[in-house]
C-alpha atoms as a PDB file:
ATOM      1  CA  MET A   1     -26.419 -37.266 -29.921  1.00  0.00           C
ATOM      2  CA  VAL A   2     -28.865 -40.319 -29.972  1.00  0.00           C
ATOM      3  CA  LYS A   3     -31.202 -40.264 -32.846  1.00  0.00           C
ATOM      4  CA  GLY A   4     -34.048 -42.354 -33.720  1.00  0.00           C
ATOM      5  CA  THR A   5     -34.909 -43.727 -37.196  1.00  0.00           C
ATOM      6  CA  ALA A   6     -37.104 -41.554 -39.250  1.00  0.00           C
ATOM      7  CA  GLY A   7     -39.492 -44.386 -39.866  1.00  0.00           C
ATOM      8  CA  LEU A   8     -40.208 -45.121 -36.239  1.00  0.00           C
ATOM      9  CA  MET A   9     -40.258 -41.427 -35.024  1.00  0.00           C
ATOM     10  CA  GLY A  10     -42.017 -39.943 -38.074  1.00  0.00           C
ATOM     11  CA  GLY A  11     -41.446 -36.476 -36.895  1.00  0.00           C
ATOM     12  CA  ALA A  12     -43.338 -37.016 -33.677  1.00  0.00           C
ATOM     13  CA  GLU A  13     -42.616 -39.298 -30.642  1.00  0.00           C
ATOM     14  CA  SER A  14     -44.295 -42.586 -31.039  1.00  0.00           C
ATOM     15  CA  THR A  15     -44.098 -43.787 -27.604  1.00  0.00           C
ATOM     16  CA  PRO A  16     -46.712 -45.375 -25.466  1.00  0.00           C
ATOM     17  CA  ALA A  17     -48.648 -42.778 -23.416  1.00  0.00           C
ATOM     18  CA  ASP A  18     -50.026 -42.871 -19.993  1.00  0.00           C
ATOM     19  CA  GLY A  19     -53.520 -41.809 -19.413  1.00  0.00           C
ATOM     20  CA  ASP A  20     -53.262 -38.293 -20.634  1.00  0.00           C
ATOM     21  CA  GLY A  21     -51.310 -38.904 -23.864  1.00  0.00           C
ATOM     22  CA  GLU A  22     -47.877 -37.870 -22.566  1.00  0.00           C
ATOM     23  CA  PRO A  23     -44.925 -40.241 -23.011  1.00  0.00           C
ATOM     24  CA  THR A  24     -43.599 -41.498 -19.705  1.00  0.00           C
ATOM     25  CA  LYS A  25     -39.992 -41.387 -18.815  1.00  0.00           C
ATOM     26  CA  LYS A  26     -39.808 -45.049 -17.809  1.00  0.00           C
ATOM     27  CA  ASP A  27     -41.416 -46.176 -21.186  1.00  0.00           C
ATOM     28  CA  ASN A  28     -39.011 -44.115 -23.345  1.00  0.00           C
ATOM     29  CA  PRO A  29     -35.356 -43.817 -22.238  1.00  0.00           C
ATOM     30  CA  GLU A  30     -34.221 -42.816 -25.522  1.00  0.00           C
ATOM     31  CA  ALA A  31     -36.364 -39.798 -25.668  1.00  0.00           C
ATOM     32  CA  GLU A  32     -35.285 -38.909 -22.176  1.00  0.00           C
ATOM     33  CA  ALA A  33     -31.668 -39.271 -23.166  1.00  0.00           C
ATOM     34  CA  GLN A  34     -32.283 -37.133 -26.297  1.00  0.00           C
ATOM     35  CA  ARG A  35     -33.844 -34.405 -24.238  1.00  0.00           C
ATOM     36  CA  LEU A  36     -31.015 -34.461 -21.776  1.00  0.00           C
ATOM     37  CA  GLU A  37     -28.455 -34.290 -24.368  1.00  0.00           C
ATOM     38  CA  GLU A  38     -30.089 -31.292 -26.032  1.00  0.00           C
ATOM     39  CA  ARG A  39     -29.942 -29.638 -22.692  1.00  0.00           C
ATOM     40  CA  VAL A  40     -26.378 -30.455 -22.305  1.00  0.00           C
ATOM     41  CA  ASP A  41     -25.602 -29.047 -25.851  1.00  0.00           C
ATOM     42  CA  ALA A  42     -27.510 -25.835 -24.920  1.00  0.00           C
ATOM     43  CA  ILE A  43     -25.426 -25.395 -21.646  1.00  0.00           C
ATOM     44  CA  ARG A  44     -22.245 -26.172 -23.542  1.00  0.00           C
ATOM     45  CA  ASP A  45     -23.109 -23.390 -26.030  1.00  0.00           C
ATOM     46  CA  ASN A  46     -23.876 -21.007 -23.232  1.00  0.00           C
ATOM     47  CA  LEU A  47     -20.554 -21.843 -21.618  1.00  0.00           C
ATOM     48  CA  ASP A  48     -18.677 -21.424 -24.820  1.00  0.00           C
ATOM     49  CA  GLY A  49     -20.109 -17.968 -25.068  1.00  0.00           C
ATOM     50  CA  LEU A  50     -19.141 -17.171 -21.513  1.00  0.00           C
ATOM     51  CA  VAL A  51     -15.703 -18.415 -21.891  1.00  0.00           C
ATOM     52  CA  SER A  52     -15.012 -16.557 -24.926  1.00  0.00           C
ATOM     53  CA  GLU A  53     -16.283 -13.407 -23.429  1.00  0.00           C
ATOM     54  CA  LEU A  54     -13.992 -13.873 -20.405  1.00  0.00           C
ATOM     55  CA  ASP A  55     -11.096 -14.585 -22.739  1.00  0.00           C
ATOM     56  CA  HIS A  56     -11.789 -11.281 -24.550  1.00  0.00           C
ATOM     57  CA  ARG A  57     -12.136  -9.426 -21.339  1.00  0.00           C
ATOM     58  CA  ARG A  58      -8.734 -10.935 -20.198  1.00  0.00           C
ATOM     59  CA  HIS A  59      -7.023  -9.919 -23.460  1.00  0.00           C
ATOM     60  CA  GLU A  60      -8.517  -6.381 -23.097  1.00  0.00           C
ATOM     61  CA  PHE A  61      -7.267  -6.083 -19.507  1.00  0.00           C
ATOM     62  CA  MET A  62      -3.818  -7.210 -20.358  1.00  0.00           C
ATOM     63  CA  ARG A  63      -3.703  -4.612 -23.153  1.00  0.00           C
ATOM     64  CA  GLN A  64      -4.756  -1.963 -20.856  1.00  0.00           C
ATOM     65  CA  LEU A  65      -2.299  -3.063 -18.240  1.00  0.00           C
ATOM     66  CA  ARG A  66       0.602  -3.049 -20.638  1.00  0.00           C
ATOM     67  CA  ARG A  67      -0.624   0.461 -21.759  1.00  0.00           C
ATOM     68  CA  TYR A  68      -0.652   2.051 -18.227  1.00  0.00           C
ATOM     69  CA  ALA A  69       1.724   0.073 -16.225  1.00  0.00           C
ATOM     70  CA  VAL A  70       5.008   1.638 -17.552  1.00  0.00           C
ATOM     71  CA  PRO A  71       3.852   5.299 -17.143  1.00  0.00           C
ATOM     72  CA  VAL A  72       2.603   4.504 -13.571  1.00  0.00           C
ATOM     73  CA  ALA A  73       6.067   2.702 -12.806  1.00  0.00           C
ATOM     74  CA  VAL A  74       7.943   5.692 -14.192  1.00  0.00           C
ATOM     75  CA  GLY A  75       5.830   8.192 -12.302  1.00  0.00           C
ATOM     76  CA  ALA A  76       6.139   6.191  -9.061  1.00  0.00           C
ATOM     77  CA  ALA A  77       9.942   6.005  -9.535  1.00  0.00           C
ATOM     78  CA  ALA A  78      10.260   9.712 -10.228  1.00  0.00           C
ATOM     79  CA  LEU A  79       8.179  10.521  -7.138  1.00  0.00           C
ATOM     80  CA  GLY A  80      10.405   8.301  -4.911  1.00  0.00           C
ATOM     81  CA  LEU A  81      13.458   9.966  -6.380  1.00  0.00           C
ATOM     82  CA  ALA A  82      12.060  13.522  -5.752  1.00  0.00           C
ATOM     83  CA  VAL A  83      11.225  12.560  -2.042  1.00  0.00           C
ATOM     84  CA  VAL A  84      14.703  11.093  -1.425  1.00  0.00           C
ATOM     85  CA  GLY A  85      16.334  14.142  -3.121  1.00  0.00           C
ATOM     86  CA  GLY A  86      14.228  16.697  -1.124  1.00  0.00           C
ATOM     87  CA  VAL A  87      15.240  14.792   2.246  1.00  0.00           C
ATOM     88  CA  VAL A  88      18.938  14.838   1.166  1.00  0.00           C
ATOM     89  CA  TRP A  89      18.980  18.410   0.071  1.00  0.00           C
ATOM     90  CA  ARG A  90      17.178  19.593   3.177  1.00  0.00           C
ATOM     91  CA  ARG A  91      19.809  17.727   5.308  1.00  0.00           C
ATOM     92  CA  VAL A  92      22.686  19.469   3.357  1.00  0.00           C
ATOM     93  CA  ARG A  93      21.247  22.929   3.109  1.00  0.00           C
ATOM     94  CA  ARG A  94      19.864  23.309   6.764  1.00  0.00           C
ATOM     95  CA  PRO A  95      22.311  25.102   8.819  1.00  0.00           C
ATOM     96  CA  SER A  96      23.239  23.369  12.165  1.00  0.00           C
ATOM     97  CA  PRO A  97      22.096  25.260  15.218  1.00  0.00           C
ATOM     98  CA  THR A  98      24.565  27.427  17.045  1.00  0.00           C
ATOM     99  CA  ARG A  99      25.370  27.033  20.804  1.00  0.00           C
ATOM    100  CA  ILE A 100      23.154  29.906  21.808  1.00  0.00           C
ATOM    101  CA  GLN A 101      20.170  28.347  19.786  1.00  0.00           C
ATOM    102  CA  ARG A 102      20.735  25.012  21.433  1.00  0.00           C
ATOM    103  CA  LEU A 103      20.877  26.678  24.971  1.00  0.00           C
ATOM    104  CA  SER A 104      17.754  28.646  24.268  1.00  0.00           C
ATOM    105  CA  ALA A 105      15.874  25.512  23.100  1.00  0.00           C
ATOM    106  CA  ALA A 106      17.204  23.477  26.247  1.00  0.00           C
ATOM    107  CA  LEU A 107      16.012  26.427  28.445  1.00  0.00           C
ATOM    108  CA  GLY A 108      12.546  26.460  26.631  1.00  0.00           C
ATOM    109  CA  ARG A 109      12.139  22.682  27.408  1.00  0.00           C
ATOM    110  CA  ALA A 110      13.191  23.233  30.945  1.00  0.00           C
ATOM    111  CA  VAL A 111      10.532  25.883  31.335  1.00  0.00           C
ATOM    112  CA  ASP A 112       7.887  23.824  29.627  1.00  0.00           C
ATOM    113  CA  HIS A 113       8.564  20.717  31.742  1.00  0.00           C
ATOM    114  CA  PRO A 114      10.504  21.631  34.944  1.00  0.00           C
ATOM    115  CA  GLU A 115       9.773  18.124  36.352  1.00  0.00           C
ATOM    116  CA  ARG A 116      12.013  16.505  33.711  1.00  0.00           C
ATOM    117  CA  VAL A 117      14.969  18.774  34.687  1.00  0.00           C
ATOM    118  CA  ALA A 118      14.919  18.232  38.375  1.00  0.00           C
ATOM    119  CA  PRO A 119      12.532  15.672  39.611  1.00  0.00           C
ATOM    120  CA  LYS A 120      11.256  15.854  43.117  1.00  0.00           C
ATOM    121  CA  GLN A 121      13.765  14.623  45.620  1.00  0.00           C
ATOM    122  CA  THR A 122      12.901  12.217  48.362  1.00  0.00           C
ATOM    123  CA  SER A 123      14.656  12.319  51.718  1.00  0.00           C
ATOM    124  CA  PRO A 124      17.828   9.971  51.693  1.00  0.00           C
ATOM    125  CA  SER A 125      17.805   6.865  53.780  1.00  0.00           C
ATOM    126  CA  VAL A 126      19.786   6.697  57.173  1.00  0.00           C
ATOM    127  CA  ALA A 127      22.355   4.407  55.588  1.00  0.00           C
ATOM    128  CA  ARG A 128      22.740   6.904  52.682  1.00  0.00           C
ATOM    129  CA  LYS A 129      23.199   9.745  55.104  1.00  0.00           C
ATOM    130  CA  LEU A 130      25.873   7.793  57.035  1.00  0.00           C
ATOM    131  CA  VAL A 131      27.781   6.996  53.710  1.00  0.00           C
ATOM    132  CA  MET A 132      27.613  10.670  52.749  1.00  0.00           C
ATOM    133  CA  ALA A 133      28.815  11.914  56.065  1.00  0.00           C
ATOM    134  CA  ALA A 134      31.595   9.376  56.086  1.00  0.00           C
ATOM    135  CA  GLY A 135      32.744  10.354  52.540  1.00  0.00           C
ATOM    136  CA  ALA A 136      32.643  14.078  53.437  1.00  0.00           C
ATOM    137  CA  ALA A 137      34.702  13.422  56.497  1.00  0.00           C
ATOM    138  CA  ALA A 138      37.197  11.460  54.453  1.00  0.00           C
ATOM    139  CA  ALA A 139      37.370  14.062  51.740  1.00  0.00           C
ATOM    140  CA  SER A 140      37.896  16.772  54.411  1.00  0.00           C
ATOM    141  CA  VAL A 141      40.762  14.754  56.050  1.00  0.00           C
ATOM    142  CA  VAL A 142      42.450  14.177  52.592  1.00  0.00           C
ATOM    143  CA  ALA A 143      42.002  17.881  51.750  1.00  0.00           C
ATOM    144  CA  ARG A 144      43.508  18.947  54.957  1.00  0.00           C
ATOM    145  CA  HIS A 145      46.451  16.711  54.570  1.00  0.00           C
ATOM    146  CA  LEU A 146      47.107  17.892  50.955  1.00  0.00           C
ATOM    147  CA  ALA A 147      46.841  21.535  51.919  1.00  0.00           C
ATOM    148  CA  GLN A 148      49.413  21.022  54.791  1.00  0.00           C
ATOM    149  CA  ARG A 149      51.825  19.378  52.437  1.00  0.00           C
ATOM    150  CA  TRP A 150      51.459  22.136  49.972  1.00  0.00           C
ATOM    151  CA  VAL A 151      52.052  24.863  52.647  1.00  0.00           C
ATOM    152  CA  ALA A 152      55.079  22.960  53.940  1.00  0.00           C
ATOM    153  CA  GLU A 153      56.633  22.847  50.541  1.00  0.00           C
ATOM    154  CA  ARG A 154      56.130  26.489  50.008  1.00  0.00           C
ATOM    155  CA  ARG A 155      58.157  27.492  53.128  1.00  0.00           C
END
């Protein structure tokens, strides 16, 4: 802090005054520096109080965190184990459906959504009809030939 001598200051500012008796900032830079330094000191004191309060609150928060973090973590782990155990237990204990039950479920789905079972058929193209006719003719020729061989072997 900048301090003036006691003899010059005499407890009051002895600076030249402008017309109304107030000292001017231009004429007394030491007084202005003193005033600014006092303001800085007041701001520092205020900040010191704020910082110490924040530090106190941080310590209190960390104490509370340590106090409750372990029980919360243990509870979350126990809940997770219970859920996993329940899922596994249900898988193991649940009987698999019988063949009749699976057939009944399939028929129920077919009744609910018949369009999924047998979608609408469109008429086949001419090329497809020709291929199908040729395949049927070839199959009948092969079947006839196999039947004749079988009958001939039996005689």
